C-alpha atoms as a PDB file:
ATOM      1  CA  MET A   1     163.999 -83.371  97.991  1.00  0.00           C
ATOM      2  CA  PRO A   2     167.338 -81.063  98.149  1.00  0.00           C
ATOM      3  CA  GLU A   3     170.696 -82.559  99.022  1.00  0.00           C
ATOM      4  CA  ALA A   4     171.050 -80.750 102.744  1.00  0.00           C
ATOM      5  CA  VAL A   5     173.710 -78.240 104.049  1.00  0.00           C
ATOM      6  CA  PHE A   6     175.026 -77.914 107.498  1.00  0.00           C
ATOM      7  CA  ILE A   7     176.120 -74.520 107.769  1.00  0.00           C
ATOM      8  CA  GLU A   8     179.048 -74.176 110.132  1.00  0.00           C
ATOM      9  CA  THR A   9     180.153 -70.827 112.342  1.00  0.00           C
ATOM     10  CA  THR A  10     182.705 -69.679 109.738  1.00  0.00           C
ATOM     11  CA  ILE A  11     179.731 -69.076 107.324  1.00  0.00           C
ATOM     12  CA  PRO A  12     177.576 -66.481 108.638  1.00  0.00           C
ATOM     13  CA  SER A  13     180.685 -65.221 110.688  1.00  0.00           C
ATOM     14  CA  TYR A  14     182.246 -64.311 106.858  1.00  0.00           C
ATOM     15  CA  TYR A  15     179.038 -62.920 105.481  1.00  0.00           C
ATOM     16  CA  VAL A  16     178.559 -60.192 108.211  1.00  0.00           C
ATOM     17  CA  ALA A  17     182.049 -59.458 109.002  1.00  0.00           C
ATOM     18  CA  ARG A  18     183.477 -56.031 107.915  1.00  0.00           C
ATOM     19  CA  PRO A  19     185.472 -55.998 104.609  1.00  0.00           C
ATOM     20  CA  PRO A  20     188.877 -57.650 105.941  1.00  0.00           C
ATOM     21  CA  GLN A  21     192.380 -56.466 104.687  1.00  0.00           C
ATOM     22  CA  ASP A  22     193.930 -59.565 104.498  1.00  0.00           C
ATOM     23  CA  ILE A  23     193.427 -60.390 100.668  1.00  0.00           C
ATOM     24  CA  VAL A  24     192.780 -64.270 101.468  1.00  0.00           C
ATOM     25  CA  GLN A  25     189.962 -63.451 104.199  1.00  0.00           C
ATOM     26  CA  ALA A  26     188.572 -60.641 101.817  1.00  0.00           C
ATOM     27  CA  ALA A  27     188.361 -63.566  98.845  1.00  0.00           C
ATOM     28  CA  ARG A  28     186.901 -66.143 101.349  1.00  0.00           C
ATOM     29  CA  GLN A  29     184.339 -63.153 102.310  1.00  0.00           C
ATOM     30  CA  ARG A  30     183.333 -62.498  98.709  1.00  0.00           C
ATOM     31  CA  LEU A  31     182.750 -66.301  98.051  1.00  0.00           C
ATOM     32  CA  THR A  32     180.382 -66.419 101.454  1.00  0.00           C
ATOM     33  CA  ILE A  33     178.199 -63.864 100.089  1.00  0.00           C
ATOM     34  CA  GLU A  34     177.806 -65.070  96.513  1.00  0.00           C
ATOM     35  CA  TRP A  35     177.361 -68.708  97.740  1.00  0.00           C
ATOM     36  CA  TRP A  36     174.799 -67.362 100.390  1.00  0.00           C
ATOM     37  CA  ASP A  37     172.682 -64.954  97.832  1.00  0.00           C
ATOM     38  CA  LYS A  38     172.881 -67.170  94.894  1.00  0.00           C
ATOM     39  CA  HIS A  39     173.437 -70.641  95.609  1.00  0.00           C
ATOM     40  CA  ARG A  40     171.596 -71.499  99.170  1.00  0.00           C
ATOM     41  CA  SER A  41     168.231 -71.837  98.173  1.00  0.00           C
ATOM     42  CA  LYS A  42     169.362 -75.078  96.358  1.00  0.00           C
ATOM     43  CA  TYR A  43     169.768 -76.655  99.614  1.00  0.00           C
ATOM     44  CA  GLU A  44     167.930 -77.284 102.625  1.00  0.00           C
ATOM     45  CA  LEU A  45     170.038 -75.312 105.274  1.00  0.00           C
ATOM     46  CA  LEU A  46     170.789 -77.088 108.868  1.00  0.00           C
ATOM     47  CA  SER A  47     172.861 -75.992 111.588  1.00  0.00           C
ATOM     48  CA  SER A  48     172.546 -77.054 115.458  1.00  0.00           C
ATOM     49  CA  GLN A  49     172.010 -74.611 118.828  1.00  0.00           C
ATOM     50  CA  ILE A  50     175.805 -75.202 119.397  1.00  0.00           C
ATOM     51  CA  VAL A  51     176.296 -72.826 116.170  1.00  0.00           C
ATOM     52  CA  ILE A  52     173.500 -70.341 117.212  1.00  0.00           C
ATOM     53  CA  ASP A  53     175.447 -70.287 120.487  1.00  0.00           C
ATOM     54  CA  GLU A  54     179.290 -69.478 118.688  1.00  0.00           C
ATOM     55  CA  ILE A  55     177.608 -66.483 116.344  1.00  0.00           C
ATOM     56  CA  ALA A  56     175.325 -65.369 119.278  1.00  0.00           C
ATOM     57  CA  GLN A  57     179.128 -64.235 120.681  1.00  0.00           C
ATOM     58  CA  GLY A  58     180.925 -61.112 120.123  1.00  0.00           C
ATOM     59  CA  GLU A  59     179.921 -57.448 119.219  1.00  0.00           C
ATOM     60  CA  SER A  60     175.870 -57.272 119.598  1.00  0.00           C
ATOM     61  CA  ALA A  61     174.827 -55.709 116.262  1.00  0.00           C
ATOM     62  CA  MET A  62     177.001 -58.076 114.413  1.00  0.00           C
ATOM     63  CA  ALA A  63     175.816 -61.075 116.486  1.00  0.00           C
ATOM     64  CA  ALA A  64     172.252 -59.900 115.659  1.00  0.00           C
ATOM     65  CA  LYS A  65     173.077 -59.911 111.750  1.00  0.00           C
ATOM     66  CA  ARG A  66     174.289 -63.326 112.151  1.00  0.00           C
ATOM     67  CA  LEU A  67     171.360 -64.796 114.115  1.00  0.00           C
ATOM     68  CA  GLN A  68     169.045 -63.369 111.468  1.00  0.00           C
ATOM     69  CA  MET A  69     170.951 -65.349 108.700  1.00  0.00           C
ATOM     70  CA  LEU A  70     170.220 -68.535 110.207  1.00  0.00           C
ATOM     71  CA  ALA A  71     166.871 -67.654 111.909  1.00  0.00           C
ATOM     72  CA  ASP A  72     165.008 -69.929 109.577  1.00  0.00           C
ATOM     73  CA  VAL A  73     167.586 -72.501 109.395  1.00  0.00           C
ATOM     74  CA  ARG A  74     166.384 -75.887 111.159  1.00  0.00           C
ATOM     75  CA  LEU A  75     168.251 -76.587 113.926  1.00  0.00           C
ATOM     76  CA  LEU A  76     169.880 -80.398 114.459  1.00  0.00           C
ATOM     77  CA  VAL A  77     169.169 -82.369 117.744  1.00  0.00           C
ATOM     78  CA  ILE A  78     172.533 -82.515 119.663  1.00  0.00           C
ATOM     79  CA  ASN A  79     171.460 -86.256 120.819  1.00  0.00           C
ATOM     80  CA  ASP A  80     173.288 -89.072 122.496  1.00  0.00           C
ATOM     81  CA  ALA A  81     174.572 -90.225 119.218  1.00  0.00           C
ATOM     82  CA  VAL A  82     176.157 -87.080 118.518  1.00  0.00           C
ATOM     83  CA  VAL A  83     177.706 -86.577 122.040  1.00  0.00           C
ATOM     84  CA  GLU A  84     179.256 -90.240 121.768  1.00  0.00           C
ATOM     85  CA  VAL A  85     180.843 -89.310 118.197  1.00  0.00           C
ATOM     86  CA  ALA A  86     182.045 -85.844 119.230  1.00  0.00           C
ATOM     87  CA  GLU A  87     183.438 -87.006 122.491  1.00  0.00           C
ATOM     88  CA  GLY A  88     185.201 -90.032 120.380  1.00  0.00           C
ATOM     89  CA  LEU A  89     186.953 -87.256 118.101  1.00  0.00           C
ATOM     90  CA  LEU A  90     188.240 -85.280 120.973  1.00  0.00           C
ATOM     91  CA  THR A  91     189.309 -88.350 122.719  1.00  0.00           C
ATOM     92  CA  ASP A  92     191.430 -89.649 119.644  1.00  0.00           C
ATOM     93  CA  GLY A  93     192.508 -85.853 119.042  1.00  0.00           C
ATOM     94  CA  VAL A  94     191.074 -85.643 115.936  1.00  0.00           C
ATOM     95  CA  VAL A  95     189.850 -82.763 116.798  1.00  0.00           C
ATOM     96  CA  PRO A  96     192.076 -80.979 120.086  1.00  0.00           C
ATOM     97  CA  ALA A  97     190.070 -80.420 122.935  1.00  0.00           C
ATOM     98  CA  LYS A  98     190.218 -76.264 122.882  1.00  0.00           C
ATOM     99  CA  ALA A  99     188.242 -76.718 119.607  1.00  0.00           C
ATOM    100  CA  ALA A 100     185.367 -78.946 121.155  1.00  0.00           C
ATOM    101  CA  ASP A 101     182.864 -77.456 119.608  1.00  0.00           C
ATOM    102  CA  ASP A 102     183.998 -78.281 115.871  1.00  0.00           C
ATOM    103  CA  ALA A 103     183.870 -82.135 116.998  1.00  0.00           C
ATOM    104  CA  PHE A 104     180.015 -81.110 117.596  1.00  0.00           C
ATOM    105  CA  HIS A 105     179.447 -79.582 114.226  1.00  0.00           C
ATOM    106  CA  ILE A 106     181.163 -82.560 112.568  1.00  0.00           C
ATOM    107  CA  ALA A 107     179.447 -85.281 114.613  1.00  0.00           C
ATOM    108  CA  CYS A 108     176.248 -83.392 114.552  1.00  0.00           C
ATOM    109  CA  ALA A 109     176.213 -83.383 110.378  1.00  0.00           C
ATOM    110  CA  GLY A 110     177.036 -86.867 110.753  1.00  0.00           C
ATOM    111  CA  VAL A 111     175.032 -88.203 112.736  1.00  0.00           C
ATOM    112  CA  HIS A 112     171.990 -86.497 111.033  1.00  0.00           C
ATOM    113  CA  ARG A 113     173.747 -87.691 107.855  1.00  0.00           C
ATOM    114  CA  VAL A 114     173.495 -84.189 106.484  1.00  0.00           C
ATOM    115  CA  ASP A 115     175.214 -84.408 102.692  1.00  0.00           C
ATOM    116  CA  PHE A 116     177.475 -81.478 103.073  1.00  0.00           C
ATOM    117  CA  LEU A 117     179.089 -79.480 106.137  1.00  0.00           C
ATOM    118  CA  LEU A 118     179.864 -76.239 104.885  1.00  0.00           C
ATOM    119  CA  THR A 119     182.743 -74.229 106.412  1.00  0.00           C
ATOM    120  CA  TRP A 120     185.500 -72.024 106.416  1.00  0.00           C
ATOM    121  CA  ASN A 121     187.411 -73.964 109.228  1.00  0.00           C
ATOM    122  CA  CYS A 122     190.698 -75.613 107.568  1.00  0.00           C
ATOM    123  CA  ARG A 123     192.072 -75.948 110.665  1.00  0.00           C
ATOM    124  CA  HIS A 124     190.121 -78.509 112.249  1.00  0.00           C
ATOM    125  CA  ILE A 125     187.329 -79.340 109.825  1.00  0.00           C
ATOM    126  CA  ALA A 126     187.860 -78.797 106.182  1.00  0.00           C
ATOM    127  CA  ASN A 127     191.377 -80.254 106.369  1.00  0.00           C
ATOM    128  CA  PRO A 128     192.561 -83.004 104.237  1.00  0.00           C
ATOM    129  CA  HIS A 129     194.913 -84.952 106.719  1.00  0.00           C
ATOM    130  CA  ASN A 130     191.788 -84.380 109.184  1.00  0.00           C
ATOM    131  CA  ARG A 131     189.491 -85.909 107.038  1.00  0.00           C
ATOM    132  CA  ASP A 132     190.825 -89.451 106.748  1.00  0.00           C
ATOM    133  CA  ARG A 133     191.256 -89.180 110.503  1.00  0.00           C
ATOM    134  CA  ILE A 134     187.369 -88.083 111.036  1.00  0.00           C
ATOM    135  CA  ARG A 135     186.435 -90.626 108.172  1.00  0.00           C
ATOM    136  CA  ARG A 136     188.065 -93.657 110.229  1.00  0.00           C
ATOM    137  CA  ARG A 137     186.228 -92.337 113.601  1.00  0.00           C
ATOM    138  CA  PHE A 138     183.173 -92.450 111.481  1.00  0.00           C
ATOM    139  CA  ASP A 139     183.307 -95.490 110.094  1.00  0.00           C
ATOM    140  CA  GLY A 140     183.512 -97.262 113.588  1.00  0.00           C
ATOM    141  CA  HIS A 141     180.282 -95.908 114.129  1.00  0.00           C
ATOM    142  CA  GLY A 142     179.064 -97.073 110.936  1.00  0.00           C
ATOM    143  CA  LEU A 143     178.303 -93.751 109.741  1.00  0.00           C
ATOM    144  CA  ASP A 144     178.988 -91.692 106.276  1.00  0.00           C
ATOM    145  CA  LEU A 145     181.207 -88.736 106.235  1.00  0.00           C
ATOM    146  CA  PRO A 146     179.436 -85.482 105.034  1.00  0.00           C
ATOM    147  CA  VAL A 147     181.361 -83.723 102.321  1.00  0.00           C
ATOM    148  CA  ILE A 148     183.338 -81.188 103.902  1.00  0.00           C
ATOM    149  CA  CYS A 149     183.640 -78.229 101.460  1.00  0.00           C
ATOM    150  CA  THR A 150     183.835 -74.732 101.566  1.00  0.00           C
ATOM    151  CA  PRO A 151     181.808 -72.314  99.548  1.00  0.00           C
ATOM    152  CA  GLU A 152     184.394 -71.894  96.992  1.00  0.00           C
ATOM    153  CA  GLU A 153     183.778 -75.655  95.652  1.00  0.00           C
ATOM    154  CA  PHE A 154     180.207 -75.280  95.334  1.00  0.00           C
ATOM    155  CA  ILE A 155     180.359 -71.757  93.235  1.00  0.00           C
ATOM    156  CA  GLY A 156     180.592 -72.571  89.581  1.00  0.00           C
ATOM    157  CA  ASP A 157     179.254 -76.389  90.333  1.00  0.00           C
ATOM    158  CA  ASP A 158     176.883 -77.084  87.464  1.00  0.00           C
ATOM    159  CA  TYR A 159     175.628 -80.256  88.844  1.00  0.00           C
ATOM    160  CA  THR A 160     171.762 -80.286  89.478  1.00  0.00           C
ATOM    161  CA  ALA A 161     169.998 -82.504  91.193  1.00  0.00           C
END
């Protein structure tokens, strides 16, 4: 059985975005496209309705492209356990209230025991200072923290299951 990867909002957003002028954003977009086109087939892709709701926003043509990317991706259930963990991340200030969806992405991936959470959100999710705070919160729930990473970390990985 392949390892499971939770696809967070930033992945389809970077993939379909217009080419950015900023070199960092452009590099992230290229890495996202490379991972999606060449590496995603090695994994079971998962996401959530919250991600679908987020990527459905904005310009309709771009939203349609983002939604098409995840059309065949299985959506994980936002159950009571996910809500409890997400609310704990928010209450403890691990994730700020203005970024509540990010708390739900983290909680959903953890509660459903996904192997990896793939994101470019380095403010609230793929942040080295925050990972330890998230891990401590997960420990309190008896959950293992998924590996939180960016597409860049997968590219060039010679690991085969």
